[in-house]
Amino acid sequence: MLKKLRSLRYQDLDWKTVVFVLVVVSIFIRFPFFFRDYVDRDESTFILMGQSWVNGYLPYTQLWDLKPPITFLYFAIIIKIFGKSFFAIRFFGSLLVGLTALFTYGIASKITSKKIAFWVAIFCVFFQSLFGSLQGVMSEHICTFFFVAALFILFTKEDSKWFFTAGLLLGLSVMSKLNMAYPVLSLGVFYLWEGFHTKRLWINLKHLVFMGVGFMVTVLCTLLPYYLQGISDVWWKSIFEAPLAYSKGKFHSPWKTLPYVGTIALLLGGIYYFKWADWKSKGIQLLTIVVVGILFSYVQAGKVNGHYLIQLYPFILIPLGMAGSKLPVIPKKFSPIVIVLLILIPMESYLEYGNIVSNKLKKGSFYNGEGIDVPRYILDHKLETENIFFTEYHIGYWQLDELPPTSAATHPSNIAREELFPYMNNPSKSGLEELQYIMEVIQPKIVVARKGKRIFYEKLVQYNTYIDAYLAQHYELRATVDRGLIYQRLE
């Protein structure tokens, strides 16, 4: 592969070659994580929501989570076709990453050289797959794929039917992760400004109408099944009202986003100040306005997790790649060092390759993690499965064909997000009341926790004090499976 890249004539690159390389790199980097129980707890929640949909329950009716329905649809489709397969979920996630990088290449090749575009796409795969909990399939992977595909159309097409198609894709993006509404809105503002500035206002307005119609078609398609069941209010509250309430949560603050927003703003400002990218280029303007929209969404949410940045990478890497091309050419004698550094970038993947081989030798399976081993122990030892509470490793519900004790416990951390309770149709008024209901009324026979980690966020002292005391009084530690703690209720 490296020899092929070294001898590559970038001007001769075709789409087939680019997509082949990007998909191969994506699968190679992400493959060892196909066998992990989970990489991020959000992915486990999406799987549970997708399975519930496959079982005949619309999102937010049986289980509940704070994401729009297209994210859950991705998982539901794969589970419906391939069954309970971590491999299939992660494989198609790898394809999403590779195709996102492909569209990034297409956008970049319109405003810079194919060589820069190619390496921007390679690093797009790296940044969407490494450095944190990015090896699973996150809602950001899904929404970013749709958005980049839409932006590629806007870069390459001019007629109305393509603006309508872009609108459909932008609708899918927003219905995968709601904060993408901000860059969609910023695109609309840009086309109005550009139309006024270039005296193409009516043409741009026509294009925006077609794009807006496409967007609304997607949004209304997600409403339709709820409307037919007479529960449109569930759709509205869960998709639109709940995220706004969540952004006002006690642990959220716009000030927390400043390090991320400030860093990106300084990078872009420096690139334009030193003229490493042409601010007058419509393509650069489009990328910038998208970045601004995404950054504004972070400020509005008052929070930036590492996986949120997946949304930024395709758009920020292009001007960064253009800036990097202005640096002095690396002498050929240093080429081996550059190659070694490129090889070392996916170190996380190499370590995980070692992990799955080690797990195969020790336990007879490539599939690994407490989310797999704990349910296997429960089944092997014929412990109670119908009334179980996973405070950690909640992918275990999927493994055991069981449901969380309440809809609020679909994602364990939602129990402490009191601002969301009105949108879950949940009778509890507080998180502590919900926790007490689970432990004292439902009385799970088995509780699963994680060794060396508090059950709730450290600042939630009341929650941790209550559940620690309750477990000590009413449960015994039945087994420790790696870091998984299995508590059994006392008779």
Protein backbone atom coordinates (compact mmCIF):
# COMPACT_ATOMS: atom_id res chain seq x y z
CA MET A 1 0.00 0.00 0.00
CA LEU A 2 2.78 2.47 0.98
CA LYS A 3 4.77 1.65 -2.18
CA LYS A 4 1.66 2.31 -4.21
CA LEU A 5 1.16 5.69 -2.51
CA ARG A 6 4.80 6.70 -3.04
CA SER A 7 4.68 5.96 -6.77
CA LEU A 8 1.22 7.49 -7.18
CA ARG A 9 0.78 10.23 -9.78
CA TYR A 10 -1.86 12.35 -8.14
CA GLN A 11 -2.99 13.99 -11.36
CA ASP A 12 -4.01 10.54 -12.64
CA LEU A 13 -6.16 9.70 -9.64
CA ASP A 14 -9.65 8.51 -10.48
CA TRP A 15 -12.62 8.03 -8.16
CA LYS A 16 -12.33 4.23 -8.14
CA THR A 17 -8.74 4.38 -6.93
CA VAL A 18 -9.51 6.99 -4.30
CA VAL A 19 -12.55 5.17 -2.91
CA PHE A 20 -10.62 1.88 -2.84
CA VAL A 21 -7.73 3.38 -0.88
CA LEU A 22 -9.97 5.28 1.56
CA VAL A 23 -12.23 2.31 2.30
CA VAL A 24 -9.23 -0.03 2.73
CA VAL A 25 -7.53 2.41 5.11
CA SER A 26 -10.78 2.92 7.04
CA ILE A 27 -11.42 -0.80 7.42
CA PHE A 28 -7.79 -1.53 8.33
CA ILE A 29 -7.79 1.10 11.09
CA ARG A 30 -11.21 0.23 12.46
CA PHE A 31 -11.27 -3.56 11.92
CA PRO A 32 -9.96 -4.68 15.33
CA PHE A 33 -12.74 -2.65 16.98
CA PHE A 34 -15.38 -4.67 15.11
CA PHE A 35 -15.10 -7.18 17.97
CA ARG A 36 -15.26 -4.79 20.95
CA ASP A 37 -18.41 -4.76 23.11
CA TYR A 38 -18.53 -1.00 22.93
CA VAL A 39 -16.20 1.93 22.48
CA ASP A 40 -18.57 4.67 23.61
CA ARG A 41 -21.71 4.18 25.70
CA ASP A 42 -23.75 6.23 23.24
CA GLU A 43 -23.27 3.56 20.57
CA SER A 44 -24.69 0.92 22.93
CA THR A 45 -27.75 3.11 23.46
CA PHE A 46 -28.23 3.53 19.71
CA ILE A 47 -28.11 -0.26 19.31
CA LEU A 48 -30.80 -0.69 21.98
CA MET A 49 -32.96 1.95 20.30
CA GLY A 50 -32.46 0.31 16.90
CA GLN A 51 -33.38 -3.12 18.29
CA SER A 52 -36.53 -1.67 19.86
CA TRP A 53 -37.53 -0.29 16.45
CA VAL A 54 -36.90 -3.70 14.84
CA ASN A 55 -39.16 -5.17 17.54
CA GLY A 56 -41.97 -2.89 16.38
CA TYR A 57 -41.64 0.13 18.68
CA LEU A 58 -40.99 3.59 17.27
CA PRO A 59 -38.14 5.51 18.91
CA TYR A 60 -39.18 7.27 22.15
CA THR A 61 -42.20 4.99 22.71
CA GLN A 62 -40.62 1.97 24.44
CA LEU A 63 -37.06 3.20 25.02
CA TRP A 64 -35.83 6.78 24.99
CA ASP A 65 -32.66 8.64 24.03
CA LEU A 66 -31.70 12.16 23.10
CA LYS A 67 -31.06 11.77 19.35
CA PRO A 68 -33.23 12.19 16.25
CA PRO A 69 -34.58 8.99 14.65
CA ILE A 70 -32.30 8.63 11.60
CA THR A 71 -29.42 7.69 13.91
CA PHE A 72 -31.51 4.84 15.30
CA LEU A 73 -32.67 3.91 11.78
CA TYR A 74 -29.06 3.17 10.76
CA PHE A 75 -28.79 0.59 13.54
CA ALA A 76 -32.33 -0.74 13.01
CA ILE A 77 -31.71 -1.46 9.32
CA ILE A 78 -28.47 -3.32 9.99
CA ILE A 79 -29.97 -5.32 12.87
CA LYS A 80 -33.03 -6.18 10.73
CA ILE A 81 -30.83 -7.48 7.89
CA PHE A 82 -27.87 -8.99 9.73
CA GLY A 83 -29.25 -9.72 13.19
CA LYS A 84 -27.29 -8.97 16.35
CA SER A 85 -23.93 -8.39 14.70
CA PHE A 86 -21.30 -6.04 16.11
CA PHE A 87 -19.28 -6.88 13.00
CA ALA A 88 -21.96 -5.64 10.59
CA ILE A 89 -22.60 -2.44 12.59
CA ARG A 90 -18.91 -1.53 12.67
CA PHE A 91 -18.25 -2.67 9.06
CA PHE A 92 -20.88 -0.34 7.66
CA GLY A 93 -19.59 2.35 10.01
CA SER A 94 -16.19 1.94 8.33
CA LEU A 95 -17.83 2.36 4.95
CA LEU A 96 -19.51 5.55 6.22
CA VAL A 97 -16.11 6.92 7.27
CA GLY A 98 -14.49 5.96 3.95
CA LEU A 99 -17.31 7.53 1.92
CA THR A 100 -17.28 10.68 4.04
CA ALA A 101 -13.57 10.98 3.27
CA LEU A 102 -14.34 10.36 -0.43
CA PHE A 103 -16.79 13.26 -0.57
CA THR A 104 -14.26 15.36 1.34
CA TYR A 105 -11.74 14.51 -1.39
CA GLY A 106 -14.29 15.56 -4.02
CA ILE A 107 -14.89 18.91 -2.31
CA ALA A 108 -11.18 19.56 -1.77
CA SER A 109 -10.27 18.70 -5.36
CA LYS A 110 -12.55 21.54 -6.52
CA ILE A 111 -10.55 24.18 -4.66
CA THR A 112 -7.03 22.74 -4.45
CA SER A 113 -4.79 20.12 -6.05
CA LYS A 114 -5.60 16.41 -6.16
CA LYS A 115 -2.50 15.69 -4.10
CA ILE A 116 -3.67 17.91 -1.22
CA ALA A 117 -7.22 16.61 -1.59
CA PHE A 118 -6.02 13.01 -1.38
CA TRP A 119 -4.04 13.52 1.82
CA VAL A 120 -6.84 15.58 3.35
CA ALA A 121 -9.13 12.59 2.72
CA ILE A 122 -6.62 10.16 4.29
CA PHE A 123 -6.37 12.31 7.40
CA CYS A 124 -10.16 12.63 7.41
CA VAL A 125 -10.26 8.84 7.89
CA PHE A 126 -7.63 9.08 10.65
CA PHE A 127 -9.39 11.83 12.56
CA GLN A 128 -12.80 10.13 12.34
CA SER A 129 -11.36 6.83 13.59
CA LEU A 130 -8.64 7.55 16.14
CA PHE A 131 -7.82 9.63 19.21
CA GLY A 132 -10.66 8.80 21.58
CA SER A 133 -13.93 6.93 21.43
CA LEU A 134 -14.34 7.22 17.65
CA GLN A 135 -13.90 3.61 16.59
CA GLY A 136 -17.55 2.75 17.22
CA VAL A 137 -20.41 4.17 15.16
CA MET A 138 -21.47 7.53 16.55
CA SER A 139 -24.33 9.78 15.53
CA GLU A 140 -21.67 12.24 14.37
CA HIS A 141 -20.39 9.74 11.81
CA ILE A 142 -23.88 9.38 10.38
CA CYS A 143 -24.84 13.06 10.28
CA THR A 144 -21.44 14.12 8.91
CA PHE A 145 -21.68 11.63 6.04
CA PHE A 146 -25.01 13.07 4.91
CA PHE A 147 -23.82 16.66 5.33
CA VAL A 148 -20.57 16.17 3.39
CA ALA A 149 -22.47 14.40 0.60
CA ALA A 150 -24.87 17.36 0.41
CA LEU A 151 -22.03 19.88 0.40
CA PHE A 152 -20.30 17.96 -2.41
CA ILE A 153 -23.47 18.39 -4.48
CA LEU A 154 -23.53 22.11 -3.71
CA PHE A 155 -19.89 22.34 -4.85
CA THR A 156 -20.48 20.53 -8.13
CA LYS A 157 -24.09 21.10 -9.26
CA GLU A 158 -26.14 24.17 -10.06
CA ASP A 159 -29.61 23.07 -11.16
CA SER A 160 -32.64 22.91 -8.91
CA LYS A 161 -33.09 19.12 -8.80
CA TRP A 162 -29.64 18.79 -7.25
CA PHE A 163 -30.44 21.46 -4.68
CA PHE A 164 -33.53 19.42 -3.84
CA THR A 165 -31.33 16.31 -3.46
CA ALA A 166 -28.93 18.28 -1.26
CA GLY A 167 -31.92 19.34 0.85
CA LEU A 168 -32.93 15.69 1.33
CA LEU A 169 -29.40 14.87 2.52
CA LEU A 170 -29.25 17.90 4.81
CA GLY A 171 -32.56 16.79 6.31
CA LEU A 172 -31.08 13.34 6.95
CA SER A 173 -28.08 15.00 8.60
CA VAL A 174 -30.21 17.09 10.96
CA MET A 175 -32.48 14.13 11.70
CA SER A 176 -29.34 12.23 12.74
CA LYS A 177 -27.92 14.96 15.00
CA LEU A 178 -30.00 18.07 15.62
CA ASN A 179 -27.11 20.53 16.03
CA MET A 180 -26.45 20.23 12.27
CA ALA A 181 -29.43 22.56 11.85
CA TYR A 182 -27.04 25.43 12.62
CA PRO A 183 -24.66 24.85 9.67
CA VAL A 184 -27.72 24.20 7.47
CA LEU A 185 -29.07 27.59 8.51
CA SER A 186 -25.68 29.20 7.91
CA LEU A 187 -25.65 27.72 4.38
CA GLY A 188 -29.00 29.39 3.74
CA VAL A 189 -27.68 32.74 4.97
CA PHE A 190 -24.60 32.34 2.77
CA TYR A 191 -26.63 31.73 -0.39
CA LEU A 192 -28.78 34.76 0.34
CA TRP A 193 -25.67 36.91 0.88
CA GLU A 194 -23.93 35.47 -2.18
CA GLY A 195 -27.02 36.02 -4.34
CA PHE A 196 -27.29 39.64 -3.24
CA HIS A 197 -23.54 40.21 -3.67
CA THR A 198 -23.37 38.70 -7.18
CA LYS A 199 -26.79 39.95 -8.32
CA ARG A 200 -28.10 36.36 -8.53
CA LEU A 201 -30.56 36.78 -5.70
CA TRP A 202 -33.59 35.32 -7.51
CA ILE A 203 -31.62 32.35 -8.81
CA ASN A 204 -30.26 31.63 -5.34
CA LEU A 205 -33.70 32.06 -3.81
CA LYS A 206 -35.08 29.50 -6.25
CA HIS A 207 -32.29 27.09 -5.32
CA LEU A 208 -32.93 27.67 -1.62
CA VAL A 209 -36.63 26.94 -2.09
CA PHE A 210 -35.82 23.60 -3.72
CA MET A 211 -33.29 22.83 -1.01
CA GLY A 212 -35.76 23.80 1.68
CA VAL A 213 -38.48 21.60 0.16
CA GLY A 214 -36.07 18.65 0.09
CA PHE A 215 -35.13 19.30 3.70
CA MET A 216 -38.76 19.41 4.81
CA VAL A 217 -39.60 16.22 2.89
CA THR A 218 -37.02 14.35 4.98
CA VAL A 219 -38.18 15.90 8.24
CA LEU A 220 -41.84 15.18 7.51
CA CYS A 221 -41.02 11.57 6.56
CA THR A 222 -39.70 11.07 10.10
CA LEU A 223 -42.96 12.56 11.44
CA LEU A 224 -45.25 10.37 9.32
CA PRO A 225 -45.17 7.12 11.38
CA TYR A 226 -45.85 9.09 14.57
CA TYR A 227 -48.68 11.01 12.89
CA LEU A 228 -50.27 7.78 11.68
CA GLN A 229 -50.23 6.46 15.25
CA GLY A 230 -51.62 9.72 16.63
CA ILE A 231 -48.51 10.51 18.70
CA SER A 232 -47.03 13.48 16.82
CA ASP A 233 -46.42 15.17 20.16
CA VAL A 234 -43.92 12.40 21.10
CA TRP A 235 -41.98 13.17 17.91
CA TRP A 236 -41.97 16.91 18.54
CA LYS A 237 -41.06 16.79 22.22
CA SER A 238 -38.34 14.16 21.87
CA ILE A 239 -36.62 15.58 18.78
CA PHE A 240 -36.94 19.33 19.27
CA GLU A 241 -37.93 20.28 22.81
CA ALA A 242 -35.72 17.81 24.70
CA PRO A 243 -32.38 18.89 23.11
CA LEU A 244 -33.12 22.52 23.96
CA ALA A 245 -33.79 21.54 27.56
CA TYR A 246 -30.61 19.43 27.60
CA SER A 247 -28.47 22.36 26.45
CA LYS A 248 -29.60 24.24 29.58
CA GLY A 249 -28.43 21.43 31.87
CA LYS A 250 -26.48 22.28 35.02
CA PHE A 251 -23.20 20.90 33.69
CA HIS A 252 -23.35 22.85 30.42
CA SER A 253 -21.87 26.29 29.85
CA PRO A 254 -20.81 28.23 26.71
CA TRP A 255 -17.54 29.01 28.51
CA LYS A 256 -16.57 25.34 28.40
CA THR A 257 -16.59 25.44 24.61
CA LEU A 258 -14.21 28.39 24.29
CA PRO A 259 -10.95 26.35 24.10
CA TYR A 260 -12.30 24.45 21.09
CA VAL A 261 -14.01 27.38 19.42
CA GLY A 262 -11.05 29.68 20.06
CA THR A 263 -8.51 27.19 18.69
CA ILE A 264 -10.46 26.62 15.46
CA ALA A 265 -11.06 30.37 15.04
CA LEU A 266 -7.33 31.09 15.48
CA LEU A 267 -6.39 28.39 12.98
CA LEU A 268 -8.79 29.70 10.34
CA GLY A 269 -7.84 33.30 11.07
CA GLY A 270 -4.15 32.49 10.66
CA ILE A 271 -4.76 30.62 7.40
CA TYR A 272 -6.66 33.54 5.89
CA TYR A 273 -4.30 36.18 7.32
CA PHE A 274 -1.25 34.55 5.76
CA LYS A 275 -3.25 33.91 2.55
CA TRP A 276 -2.64 30.16 2.65
CA ALA A 277 -6.23 29.85 1.45
CA ASP A 278 -8.09 32.31 -0.75
CA TRP A 279 -10.90 33.88 1.25
CA LYS A 280 -12.43 35.16 -2.01
CA SER A 281 -12.97 31.58 -3.21
CA LYS A 282 -16.65 30.58 -2.98
CA GLY A 283 -15.56 27.08 -1.93
CA ILE A 284 -13.51 28.39 1.00
CA GLN A 285 -16.36 30.67 1.99
CA LEU A 286 -18.77 27.72 2.01
CA LEU A 287 -16.41 25.65 4.18
CA THR A 288 -15.91 28.55 6.57
CA ILE A 289 -19.61 29.25 6.98
CA VAL A 290 -20.21 25.57 7.73
CA VAL A 291 -17.46 25.58 10.37
CA VAL A 292 -18.93 28.73 11.91
CA GLY A 293 -22.36 27.09 12.07
CA ILE A 294 -20.99 23.97 13.77
CA LEU A 295 -18.96 26.00 16.26
CA PHE A 296 -22.02 28.09 17.09
CA SER A 297 -23.95 24.87 17.77
CA TYR A 298 -21.25 23.84 20.27
CA VAL A 299 -21.54 27.18 22.06
CA GLN A 300 -25.32 26.88 22.14
CA ALA A 301 -25.09 23.36 23.57
CA GLY A 302 -22.50 24.50 26.14
CA LYS A 303 -20.55 21.28 25.76
CA VAL A 304 -17.98 19.66 23.44
CA ASN A 305 -17.24 15.96 23.72
CA GLY A 306 -14.38 14.50 21.69
CA HIS A 307 -16.72 12.76 19.27
CA TYR A 308 -18.53 16.04 18.53
CA LEU A 309 -15.43 17.11 16.60
CA ILE A 310 -16.13 14.44 13.96
CA GLN A 311 -18.54 16.99 12.51
CA LEU A 312 -15.74 19.52 12.04
CA TYR A 313 -12.93 17.43 10.61
CA PRO A 314 -13.92 17.25 6.92
CA PHE A 315 -14.41 21.01 6.72
CA ILE A 316 -11.43 22.18 8.75
CA LEU A 317 -8.93 19.70 7.30
CA ILE A 318 -9.25 21.16 3.79
CA PRO A 319 -7.95 24.67 4.65
CA LEU A 320 -5.41 23.07 7.01
CA GLY A 321 -4.20 20.87 4.14
CA MET A 322 -3.91 23.91 1.89
CA ALA A 323 -1.93 25.70 4.57
CA GLY A 324 0.32 22.68 5.07
CA SER A 325 1.15 22.66 1.37
CA LYS A 326 2.71 26.14 1.76
CA LEU A 327 5.31 24.82 4.19
CA PRO A 328 8.82 24.06 2.87
CA VAL A 329 9.09 20.76 1.01
CA ILE A 330 10.50 17.98 3.20
CA PRO A 331 13.88 16.85 1.82
CA LYS A 332 13.90 13.33 0.38
CA LYS A 333 16.38 12.14 2.99
CA PHE A 334 13.66 12.63 5.62
CA SER A 335 11.06 10.65 3.64
CA PRO A 336 11.62 7.45 5.68
CA ILE A 337 10.88 9.38 8.88
CA VAL A 338 7.63 10.72 7.41
CA ILE A 339 6.61 7.21 6.32
CA VAL A 340 7.36 5.81 9.79
CA LEU A 341 5.28 8.58 11.40
CA LEU A 342 2.37 7.80 9.06
CA ILE A 343 2.64 4.13 9.96
CA LEU A 344 2.62 4.97 13.67
CA ILE A 345 -0.49 7.19 13.57
CA PRO A 346 -2.96 4.30 14.00
CA MET A 347 -1.15 2.95 17.07
CA GLU A 348 -4.49 2.44 18.83
CA SER A 349 -5.44 0.01 16.07
CA TYR A 350 -2.24 -2.00 16.39
CA LEU A 351 -2.78 -2.33 20.13
CA GLU A 352 -6.35 -3.48 19.55
CA TYR A 353 -5.19 -6.06 16.99
CA GLY A 354 -2.99 -7.44 19.78
CA ASN A 355 -5.95 -7.33 22.17
CA ILE A 356 -8.28 -9.40 19.98
CA VAL A 357 -5.57 -12.00 19.33
CA SER A 358 -4.85 -12.21 23.07
CA ASN A 359 -8.57 -12.55 23.83
CA LYS A 360 -8.89 -15.33 21.24
CA LEU A 361 -6.03 -17.26 22.82
CA LYS A 362 -7.31 -16.79 26.39
CA LYS A 363 -11.09 -16.99 25.96
CA GLY A 364 -11.59 -18.59 22.55
CA SER A 365 -13.30 -15.58 20.95
CA PHE A 366 -12.24 -12.46 19.10
CA TYR A 367 -15.23 -10.65 20.64
CA ASN A 368 -14.12 -9.02 23.86
CA GLY A 369 -15.10 -6.65 26.65
CA GLU A 370 -17.19 -6.81 29.78
CA GLY A 371 -20.32 -6.02 27.78
CA ILE A 372 -19.88 -9.47 26.25
CA ASP A 373 -18.23 -11.38 29.10
CA VAL A 374 -20.63 -10.26 31.87
CA PRO A 375 -23.79 -11.41 30.02
CA ARG A 376 -22.00 -14.68 29.16
CA TYR A 377 -21.24 -15.22 32.86
CA ILE A 378 -24.87 -14.47 33.79
CA LEU A 379 -26.15 -17.01 31.27
CA ASP A 380 -23.54 -19.65 32.10
CA HIS A 381 -24.39 -19.42 35.81
CA LYS A 382 -28.16 -19.23 35.19
CA LEU A 383 -28.59 -15.93 37.03
CA GLU A 384 -31.73 -13.80 36.75
CA THR A 385 -31.96 -11.96 33.41
CA GLU A 386 -35.56 -10.71 33.30
CA ASN A 387 -35.05 -8.11 36.01
CA ILE A 388 -31.57 -6.67 35.59
CA PHE A 389 -30.03 -3.20 35.81
CA PHE A 390 -26.82 -2.36 33.97
CA THR A 391 -25.33 0.82 35.41
CA GLU A 392 -22.37 0.09 33.12
CA TYR A 393 -21.90 -2.14 30.05
CA HIS A 394 -25.56 -1.65 29.14
CA ILE A 395 -24.97 -3.30 25.77
CA GLY A 396 -25.59 -6.35 27.98
CA TYR A 397 -29.35 -5.82 27.60
CA TRP A 398 -28.92 -6.53 23.88
CA GLN A 399 -26.87 -9.62 24.57
CA LEU A 400 -29.51 -10.97 26.96
CA ASP A 401 -32.59 -9.98 24.93
CA GLU A 402 -33.78 -7.83 27.83
CA LEU A 403 -34.89 -4.23 28.34
CA PRO A 404 -33.66 -1.56 30.75
CA PRO A 405 -35.82 -1.28 33.90
CA THR A 406 -37.27 2.07 32.76
CA SER A 407 -37.08 4.20 29.62
CA ALA A 408 -34.92 6.72 31.51
CA ALA A 409 -32.33 3.97 32.06
CA THR A 410 -31.88 3.26 28.32
CA HIS A 411 -28.68 5.30 28.61
CA PRO A 412 -27.67 4.97 32.29
CA SER A 413 -26.58 8.61 32.55
CA ASN A 414 -30.06 9.81 31.52
CA ILE A 415 -31.25 8.90 35.03
CA ALA A 416 -29.41 11.97 36.31
CA ARG A 417 -30.59 14.29 33.52
CA GLU A 418 -33.66 15.61 35.25
CA GLU A 419 -34.24 18.26 32.61
CA LEU A 420 -35.16 15.46 30.17
CA PHE A 421 -37.79 13.71 32.29
CA PRO A 422 -40.79 15.72 30.99
CA TYR A 423 -39.99 14.49 27.47
CA MET A 424 -39.71 10.79 28.35
CA ASN A 425 -43.30 10.52 29.61
CA ASN A 426 -41.68 9.62 32.88
CA PRO A 427 -43.64 9.95 36.14
CA SER A 428 -40.54 10.70 38.21
CA LYS A 429 -39.86 14.34 38.96
CA SER A 430 -36.17 13.96 39.79
CA GLY A 431 -33.30 11.68 38.99
CA LEU A 432 -33.00 10.53 42.59
CA GLU A 433 -36.70 9.66 42.63
CA GLU A 434 -36.19 7.63 39.43
CA LEU A 435 -33.23 5.81 40.93
CA GLN A 436 -35.20 5.03 44.09
CA TYR A 437 -38.07 3.72 41.97
CA ILE A 438 -35.71 1.36 40.11
CA MET A 439 -33.98 0.06 43.24
CA GLU A 440 -36.90 -0.04 45.70
CA VAL A 441 -39.96 -0.75 43.54
CA ILE A 442 -38.64 -2.66 40.53
CA GLN A 443 -35.92 -4.23 42.73
CA PRO A 444 -33.61 -5.64 40.05
CA LYS A 445 -32.33 -9.12 40.90
CA ILE A 446 -28.97 -8.33 39.28
CA VAL A 447 -27.11 -4.99 39.18
CA VAL A 448 -23.99 -4.61 37.05
CA ALA A 449 -21.41 -1.91 37.81
CA ARG A 450 -17.79 -1.18 36.95
CA LYS A 451 -14.85 -1.76 39.25
CA GLY A 452 -12.93 1.39 40.19
CA LYS A 453 -15.58 3.77 38.85
CA ARG A 454 -18.43 5.55 40.60
CA ILE A 455 -21.81 4.59 39.23
CA PHE A 456 -22.73 8.20 38.55
CA TYR A 457 -20.75 11.29 37.65
CA GLU A 458 -18.48 12.33 40.55
CA LYS A 459 -20.35 15.58 41.17
CA LEU A 460 -23.63 13.69 41.70
CA VAL A 461 -22.84 13.00 45.34
CA GLN A 462 -26.45 12.26 46.39
CA TYR A 463 -26.89 9.66 43.67
CA ASN A 464 -23.66 7.86 44.49
CA THR A 465 -24.25 7.99 48.24
CA TYR A 466 -27.74 6.51 47.83
CA ILE A 467 -26.89 3.67 45.46
CA ASP A 468 -23.65 2.72 47.27
CA ALA A 469 -25.55 2.41 50.56
CA TYR A 470 -28.45 0.54 48.94
CA LEU A 471 -26.15 -1.96 47.24
CA ALA A 472 -24.26 -2.54 50.51
CA GLN A 473 -27.51 -3.26 52.39
CA HIS A 474 -29.54 -5.26 49.85
CA TYR A 475 -27.01 -6.87 47.50
CA GLU A 476 -23.98 -9.09 47.60
CA LEU A 477 -21.12 -9.09 45.12
CA ARG A 478 -21.68 -12.33 43.24
CA ALA A 479 -18.74 -12.12 40.83
CA THR A 480 -16.10 -9.88 39.31
CA VAL A 481 -15.62 -10.41 35.57
CA ASP A 482 -12.56 -8.40 34.56
CA ARG A 483 -13.76 -4.90 35.57
CA GLY A 484 -17.43 -5.88 35.65
CA LEU A 485 -19.05 -6.17 39.07
CA ILE A 486 -22.13 -8.42 39.29
CA TYR A 487 -24.32 -7.77 42.33
CA GLN A 488 -27.12 -10.19 43.26
CA ARG A 489 -30.06 -9.12 45.39
CA LEU A 490 -30.27 -10.71 48.83
CA GLU A 491 -33.39 -12.81 49.49
